Amino acid sequence: SDLAGSSTQSPRRVTDYGSGSGVLSVAAARLFGPSTKVTSVDIEAEALEATRANWELNFPPGTDEGCDLETYHAREVIPSWPISDQDLVLANILIGALVRPSMIAVLVNALKAPDAEGEGGGIICFSGILPNERESLMRAYEKYLCFDDASYGELSGTDKVGSTDSTFNAINGFDVRSWCRVVGRR
């Protein structure tokens, strides 16, 4: 909800890049309301199918509670990104992909440009980043984005009360390392 309170108006256009099962897409629709247009992008066709299925579970066809959803395979958006003027981009993908020049171009060009006074540019939230990758990520985007240290967050898989213990995670292959989010504005 930090992102919901970061501006005076909720985002009207949100892109979930690396959508996986669509959890962040659905969360954005729930958080920001039915006037929000949500776009989900992933490299896996199965992930986009899961996104659409989860969307329909949360927003059954014929009801007025959901917003619009568009889905794209990553091949459709690199190198020519058909989406622009986004108020918010959620990028939950690995650092290796995030720092590629083609990905930088796609994500930065997706964001709404600031107005003549340099205000109101789109916001991007990078998540799924390891704390030791933060500086590399910020260096890759520093020409295009302004970062606010107050928006930096870090959480370990074992920081939350009731989180799964490390023995269970080791057996089942879950990664409980620390992760962070980095938020920037165009």
C-alpha atoms as a PDB file:
ATOM      1  CA  SER A   1       0.000   0.000   0.000  1.00  0.00           C
ATOM      2  CA  ASP A   2       3.027   2.319   0.042  1.00  0.00           C
ATOM      3  CA  LEU A   3       2.583   2.747  -3.707  1.00  0.00           C
ATOM      4  CA  ALA A   4      -1.121   3.464  -3.325  1.00  0.00           C
ATOM      5  CA  GLY A   5      -0.346   6.367  -1.041  1.00  0.00           C
ATOM      6  CA  SER A   6       2.593   7.683  -3.038  1.00  0.00           C
ATOM      7  CA  SER A   7       0.552  10.076  -5.146  1.00  0.00           C
ATOM      8  CA  THR A   8      -2.679  12.014  -4.855  1.00  0.00           C
ATOM      9  CA  GLN A   9      -4.353   9.831  -7.456  1.00  0.00           C
ATOM     10  CA  SER A  10      -4.373   6.061  -7.953  1.00  0.00           C
ATOM     11  CA  PRO A  11      -2.630   4.797 -11.073  1.00  0.00           C
ATOM     12  CA  ARG A  12      -4.913   4.416 -14.085  1.00  0.00           C
ATOM     13  CA  ARG A  13      -2.446   2.253 -16.033  1.00  0.00           C
ATOM     14  CA  VAL A  14      -0.397  -0.496 -14.359  1.00  0.00           C
ATOM     15  CA  THR A  15       1.923  -3.045 -15.949  1.00  0.00           C
ATOM     16  CA  ASP A  16       3.020  -6.200 -14.125  1.00  0.00           C
ATOM     17  CA  TYR A  17       6.224  -7.257 -15.898  1.00  0.00           C
ATOM     18  CA  GLY A  18       7.181 -10.807 -14.952  1.00  0.00           C
ATOM     19  CA  SER A  19       3.606 -11.490 -13.936  1.00  0.00           C
ATOM     20  CA  GLY A  20       3.956 -15.183 -13.148  1.00  0.00           C
ATOM     21  CA  SER A  21       0.564 -16.295 -11.837  1.00  0.00           C
ATOM     22  CA  GLY A  22      -0.777 -12.741 -11.902  1.00  0.00           C
ATOM     23  CA  VAL A  23      -0.833 -12.146  -8.149  1.00  0.00           C
ATOM     24  CA  LEU A  24       0.501  -8.585  -8.486  1.00  0.00           C
ATOM     25  CA  SER A  25      -1.857  -7.890 -11.397  1.00  0.00           C
ATOM     26  CA  VAL A  26      -4.859  -8.941  -9.313  1.00  0.00           C
ATOM     27  CA  ALA A  27      -3.525  -7.053  -6.271  1.00  0.00           C
ATOM     28  CA  ALA A  28      -3.124  -3.872  -8.347  1.00  0.00           C
ATOM     29  CA  ALA A  29      -6.687  -4.188  -9.623  1.00  0.00           C
ATOM     30  CA  ARG A  30      -8.007  -4.716  -6.096  1.00  0.00           C
ATOM     31  CA  LEU A  31      -5.899  -1.913  -4.624  1.00  0.00           C
ATOM     32  CA  PHE A  32      -6.435   0.727  -7.285  1.00  0.00           C
ATOM     33  CA  GLY A  33      -9.980  -0.092  -8.380  1.00  0.00           C
ATOM     34  CA  PRO A  34     -11.975  -0.898 -11.495  1.00  0.00           C
ATOM     35  CA  SER A  35     -10.926   2.208 -13.442  1.00  0.00           C
ATOM     36  CA  THR A  36      -7.365   0.846 -13.624  1.00  0.00           C
ATOM     37  CA  LYS A  37      -6.148  -0.821 -16.813  1.00  0.00           C
ATOM     38  CA  VAL A  38      -3.774  -3.690 -15.950  1.00  0.00           C
ATOM     39  CA  THR A  39      -1.271  -5.190 -18.381  1.00  0.00           C
ATOM     40  CA  SER A  40       0.559  -8.432 -17.563  1.00  0.00           C
ATOM     41  CA  VAL A  41       3.747  -9.504 -19.335  1.00  0.00           C
ATOM     42  CA  ASP A  42       5.719 -12.713 -18.894  1.00  0.00           C
ATOM     43  CA  ILE A  43       8.246 -14.820 -20.785  1.00  0.00           C
ATOM     44  CA  GLU A  44       6.302 -18.023 -20.117  1.00  0.00           C
ATOM     45  CA  ALA A  45       3.065 -18.679 -21.996  1.00  0.00           C
ATOM     46  CA  GLU A  46       1.910 -20.876 -19.096  1.00  0.00           C
ATOM     47  CA  ALA A  47       2.338 -17.944 -16.720  1.00  0.00           C
ATOM     48  CA  LEU A  48       0.065 -15.802 -18.873  1.00  0.00           C
ATOM     49  CA  GLU A  49      -2.530 -18.583 -18.883  1.00  0.00           C
ATOM     50  CA  ALA A  50      -2.296 -18.713 -15.085  1.00  0.00           C
ATOM     51  CA  THR A  51      -2.642 -14.918 -14.931  1.00  0.00           C
ATOM     52  CA  ARG A  52      -5.814 -14.995 -17.020  1.00  0.00           C
ATOM     53  CA  ALA A  53      -7.235 -17.899 -14.963  1.00  0.00           C
ATOM     54  CA  ASN A  54      -6.509 -16.124 -11.669  1.00  0.00           C
ATOM     55  CA  TRP A  55      -7.957 -12.925 -13.060  1.00  0.00           C
ATOM     56  CA  GLU A  56     -11.221 -14.706 -13.931  1.00  0.00           C
ATOM     57  CA  LEU A  57     -11.342 -16.302 -10.464  1.00  0.00           C
ATOM     58  CA  ASN A  58     -11.013 -12.870  -8.870  1.00  0.00           C
ATOM     59  CA  PHE A  59     -13.080 -10.942 -11.401  1.00  0.00           C
ATOM     60  CA  PRO A  60     -15.665 -13.307 -12.907  1.00  0.00           C
ATOM     61  CA  PRO A  61     -16.774 -12.367 -16.429  1.00  0.00           C
ATOM     62  CA  GLY A  62     -19.974 -10.357 -16.454  1.00  0.00           C
ATOM     63  CA  THR A  63     -19.300  -8.583 -13.169  1.00  0.00           C
ATOM     64  CA  ASP A  64     -18.405  -4.937 -12.794  1.00  0.00           C
ATOM     65  CA  GLU A  65     -15.788  -5.392 -10.093  1.00  0.00           C
ATOM     66  CA  GLY A  66     -12.728  -5.972 -12.278  1.00  0.00           C
ATOM     67  CA  CYS A  67     -10.659  -3.681 -14.454  1.00  0.00           C
ATOM     68  CA  ASP A  68      -9.423  -4.330 -17.936  1.00  0.00           C
ATOM     69  CA  LEU A  69      -6.604  -6.874 -18.342  1.00  0.00           C
ATOM     70  CA  GLU A  70      -4.282  -7.259 -21.310  1.00  0.00           C
ATOM     71  CA  THR A  71      -1.599  -9.935 -21.474  1.00  0.00           C
ATOM     72  CA  TYR A  72       1.538 -10.031 -23.592  1.00  0.00           C
ATOM     73  CA  HIS A  73       4.308 -12.534 -24.049  1.00  0.00           C
ATOM     74  CA  ALA A  74       7.712 -10.878 -23.571  1.00  0.00           C
ATOM     75  CA  ARG A  75       8.565 -11.573 -27.234  1.00  0.00           C
ATOM     76  CA  GLU A  76       5.767  -9.172 -28.152  1.00  0.00           C
ATOM     77  CA  VAL A  77       7.274  -6.313 -26.187  1.00  0.00           C
ATOM     78  CA  ILE A  78      11.016  -6.625 -26.823  1.00  0.00           C
ATOM     79  CA  PRO A  79      12.357  -4.802 -28.783  1.00  0.00           C
ATOM     80  CA  SER A  80       9.225  -2.798 -29.616  1.00  0.00           C
ATOM     81  CA  TRP A  81       7.161  -2.062 -26.527  1.00  0.00           C
ATOM     82  CA  PRO A  82       3.525  -1.528 -27.505  1.00  0.00           C
ATOM     83  CA  ILE A  83       2.691  -0.077 -24.087  1.00  0.00           C
ATOM     84  CA  SER A  84       3.559   3.402 -22.876  1.00  0.00           C
ATOM     85  CA  ASP A  85       2.324   6.111 -20.554  1.00  0.00           C
ATOM     86  CA  GLN A  86       2.094   3.710 -17.597  1.00  0.00           C
ATOM     87  CA  ASP A  87       1.550   5.263 -14.180  1.00  0.00           C
ATOM     88  CA  LEU A  88       3.042   2.213 -12.438  1.00  0.00           C
ATOM     89  CA  VAL A  89       5.224  -0.674 -13.574  1.00  0.00           C
ATOM     90  CA  LEU A  90       5.820  -3.631 -11.271  1.00  0.00           C
ATOM     91  CA  ALA A  91       8.961  -5.524 -12.313  1.00  0.00           C
ATOM     92  CA  ASN A  92       9.385  -8.729 -10.344  1.00  0.00           C
ATOM     93  CA  ILE A  93      12.132 -10.402 -12.370  1.00  0.00           C
ATOM     94  CA  LEU A  94      15.736 -11.397 -11.856  1.00  0.00           C
ATOM     95  CA  ILE A  95      18.566  -8.871 -11.981  1.00  0.00           C
ATOM     96  CA  GLY A  96      20.221 -10.475 -15.016  1.00  0.00           C
ATOM     97  CA  ALA A  97      17.245  -9.617 -17.190  1.00  0.00           C
ATOM     98  CA  LEU A  98      16.596  -6.231 -15.573  1.00  0.00           C
ATOM     99  CA  VAL A  99      20.010  -4.768 -16.441  1.00  0.00           C
ATOM    100  CA  ARG A 100      20.000  -5.776 -20.120  1.00  0.00           C
ATOM    101  CA  PRO A 101      19.869  -2.679 -22.361  1.00  0.00           C
ATOM    102  CA  SER A 102      16.795  -3.998 -24.180  1.00  0.00           C
ATOM    103  CA  MET A 103      14.947  -4.493 -20.878  1.00  0.00           C
ATOM    104  CA  ILE A 104      15.990  -1.077 -19.594  1.00  0.00           C
ATOM    105  CA  ALA A 105      14.598   0.491 -22.778  1.00  0.00           C
ATOM    106  CA  VAL A 106      11.346  -1.463 -22.505  1.00  0.00           C
ATOM    107  CA  LEU A 107      10.714  -0.630 -18.862  1.00  0.00           C
ATOM    108  CA  VAL A 108      11.744   3.033 -18.981  1.00  0.00           C
ATOM    109  CA  ASN A 109       9.775   3.704 -22.170  1.00  0.00           C
ATOM    110  CA  ALA A 110       6.723   2.070 -20.624  1.00  0.00           C
ATOM    111  CA  LEU A 111       6.607   4.719 -17.901  1.00  0.00           C
ATOM    112  CA  LYS A 112       4.662   7.932 -18.225  1.00  0.00           C
ATOM    113  CA  ALA A 113       7.031  10.818 -18.949  1.00  0.00           C
ATOM    114  CA  PRO A 114       7.215  13.675 -16.449  1.00  0.00           C
ATOM    115  CA  ASP A 115       5.490  16.949 -17.247  1.00  0.00           C
ATOM    116  CA  ALA A 116       7.321  20.142 -18.257  1.00  0.00           C
ATOM    117  CA  GLU A 117       8.204  20.850 -14.598  1.00  0.00           C
ATOM    118  CA  GLY A 118       9.689  17.364 -14.210  1.00  0.00           C
ATOM    119  CA  GLU A 119       6.782  16.140 -12.062  1.00  0.00           C
ATOM    120  CA  GLY A 120       4.336  13.285 -12.400  1.00  0.00           C
ATOM    121  CA  GLY A 121       6.507  10.703 -14.139  1.00  0.00           C
ATOM    122  CA  GLY A 122       5.565   7.040 -13.880  1.00  0.00           C
ATOM    123  CA  ILE A 123       6.733   4.918 -10.944  1.00  0.00           C
ATOM    124  CA  ILE A 124       8.513   1.590 -11.226  1.00  0.00           C
ATOM    125  CA  CYS A 125       8.805  -0.893  -8.392  1.00  0.00           C
ATOM    126  CA  PHE A 126      11.534  -3.503  -8.801  1.00  0.00           C
ATOM    127  CA  SER A 127      11.086  -6.511  -6.515  1.00  0.00           C
ATOM    128  CA  GLY A 128      12.682  -9.923  -6.212  1.00  0.00           C
ATOM    129  CA  ILE A 129      16.072  -8.215  -5.982  1.00  0.00           C
ATOM    130  CA  LEU A 130      18.759  -9.437  -3.616  1.00  0.00           C
ATOM    131  CA  PRO A 131      20.134  -6.698  -1.345  1.00  0.00           C
ATOM    132  CA  ASN A 132      23.633  -7.070  -2.838  1.00  0.00           C
ATOM    133  CA  GLU A 133      22.148  -6.449  -6.329  1.00  0.00           C
ATOM    134  CA  ARG A 134      20.556  -3.115  -5.418  1.00  0.00           C
ATOM    135  CA  GLU A 135      23.508  -0.909  -6.396  1.00  0.00           C
ATOM    136  CA  SER A 136      23.933  -2.638  -9.784  1.00  0.00           C
ATOM    137  CA  LEU A 137      20.261  -2.167 -10.534  1.00  0.00           C
ATOM    138  CA  MET A 138      20.320   1.494  -9.570  1.00  0.00           C
ATOM    139  CA  ARG A 139      23.463   2.141 -11.643  1.00  0.00           C
ATOM    140  CA  ALA A 140      21.837   0.543 -14.698  1.00  0.00           C
ATOM    141  CA  TYR A 141      18.802   2.863 -14.438  1.00  0.00           C
ATOM    142  CA  GLU A 142      20.354   6.026 -12.964  1.00  0.00           C
ATOM    143  CA  LYS A 143      20.249   7.946 -16.274  1.00  0.00           C
ATOM    144  CA  TYR A 144      16.506   7.398 -16.548  1.00  0.00           C
ATOM    145  CA  LEU A 145      15.039   7.205 -13.039  1.00  0.00           C
ATOM    146  CA  CYS A 146      15.165   9.071  -9.748  1.00  0.00           C
ATOM    147  CA  PHE A 147      15.422   6.780  -6.744  1.00  0.00           C
ATOM    148  CA  ASP A 148      14.217   7.559  -3.247  1.00  0.00           C
ATOM    149  CA  ASP A 149      16.014   5.727  -0.449  1.00  0.00           C
ATOM    150  CA  ALA A 150      12.868   6.012   1.654  1.00  0.00           C
ATOM    151  CA  SER A 151      11.203   3.628  -0.814  1.00  0.00           C
ATOM    152  CA  TYR A 152      13.820   0.937  -0.267  1.00  0.00           C
ATOM    153  CA  GLY A 153      12.576  -2.117   1.585  1.00  0.00           C
ATOM    154  CA  GLU A 154      14.152  -5.399   2.582  1.00  0.00           C
ATOM    155  CA  LEU A 155      12.612  -8.575   3.950  1.00  0.00           C
ATOM    156  CA  SER A 156      13.948 -11.999   4.766  1.00  0.00           C
ATOM    157  CA  GLY A 157      11.840 -15.077   4.189  1.00  0.00           C
ATOM    158  CA  THR A 158      12.103 -15.723   7.924  1.00  0.00           C
ATOM    159  CA  ASP A 159      11.323 -12.154   9.118  1.00  0.00           C
ATOM    160  CA  LYS A 160       7.561 -12.597   9.373  1.00  0.00           C
ATOM    161  CA  VAL A 161       5.819 -14.248  12.299  1.00  0.00           C
ATOM    162  CA  GLY A 162       4.454 -17.574  11.145  1.00  0.00           C
ATOM    163  CA  SER A 163       6.759 -17.766   8.134  1.00  0.00           C
ATOM    164  CA  THR A 164       7.877 -21.191   7.092  1.00  0.00           C
ATOM    165  CA  ASP A 165      10.945 -22.415   8.939  1.00  0.00           C
ATOM    166  CA  SER A 166      14.216 -22.954   7.138  1.00  0.00           C
ATOM    167  CA  THR A 167      14.126 -26.766   7.522  1.00  0.00           C
ATOM    168  CA  PHE A 168      10.859 -26.951   5.586  1.00  0.00           C
ATOM    169  CA  ASN A 169      12.224 -24.544   2.989  1.00  0.00           C
ATOM    170  CA  ALA A 170      15.459 -26.495   2.533  1.00  0.00           C
ATOM    171  CA  ILE A 171      13.531 -29.737   2.018  1.00  0.00           C
ATOM    172  CA  ASN A 172      11.020 -28.204  -0.384  1.00  0.00           C
ATOM    173  CA  GLY A 173      13.418 -25.995  -2.317  1.00  0.00           C
ATOM    174  CA  PHE A 174      12.119 -22.616  -1.139  1.00  0.00           C
ATOM    175  CA  ASP A 175      14.588 -19.755  -1.013  1.00  0.00           C
ATOM    176  CA  VAL A 176      14.410 -17.762   2.204  1.00  0.00           C
ATOM    177  CA  ARG A 177      17.199 -15.308   1.477  1.00  0.00           C
ATOM    178  CA  SER A 178      16.645 -11.623   2.013  1.00  0.00           C
ATOM    179  CA  TRP A 179      14.936  -9.777  -0.819  1.00  0.00           C
ATOM    180  CA  CYS A 180      14.417  -6.106  -1.426  1.00  0.00           C
ATOM    181  CA  ARG A 181      12.382  -3.694  -3.450  1.00  0.00           C
ATOM    182  CA  VAL A 182      13.636  -0.576  -5.153  1.00  0.00           C
ATOM    183  CA  VAL A 183      11.279   2.176  -6.314  1.00  0.00           C
ATOM    184  CA  GLY A 184      12.131   4.790  -8.929  1.00  0.00           C
ATOM    185  CA  ARG A 185      10.319   7.529 -10.801  1.00  0.00           C
ATOM    186  CA  ARG A 186      10.855   8.615 -14.389  1.00  0.00           C
END
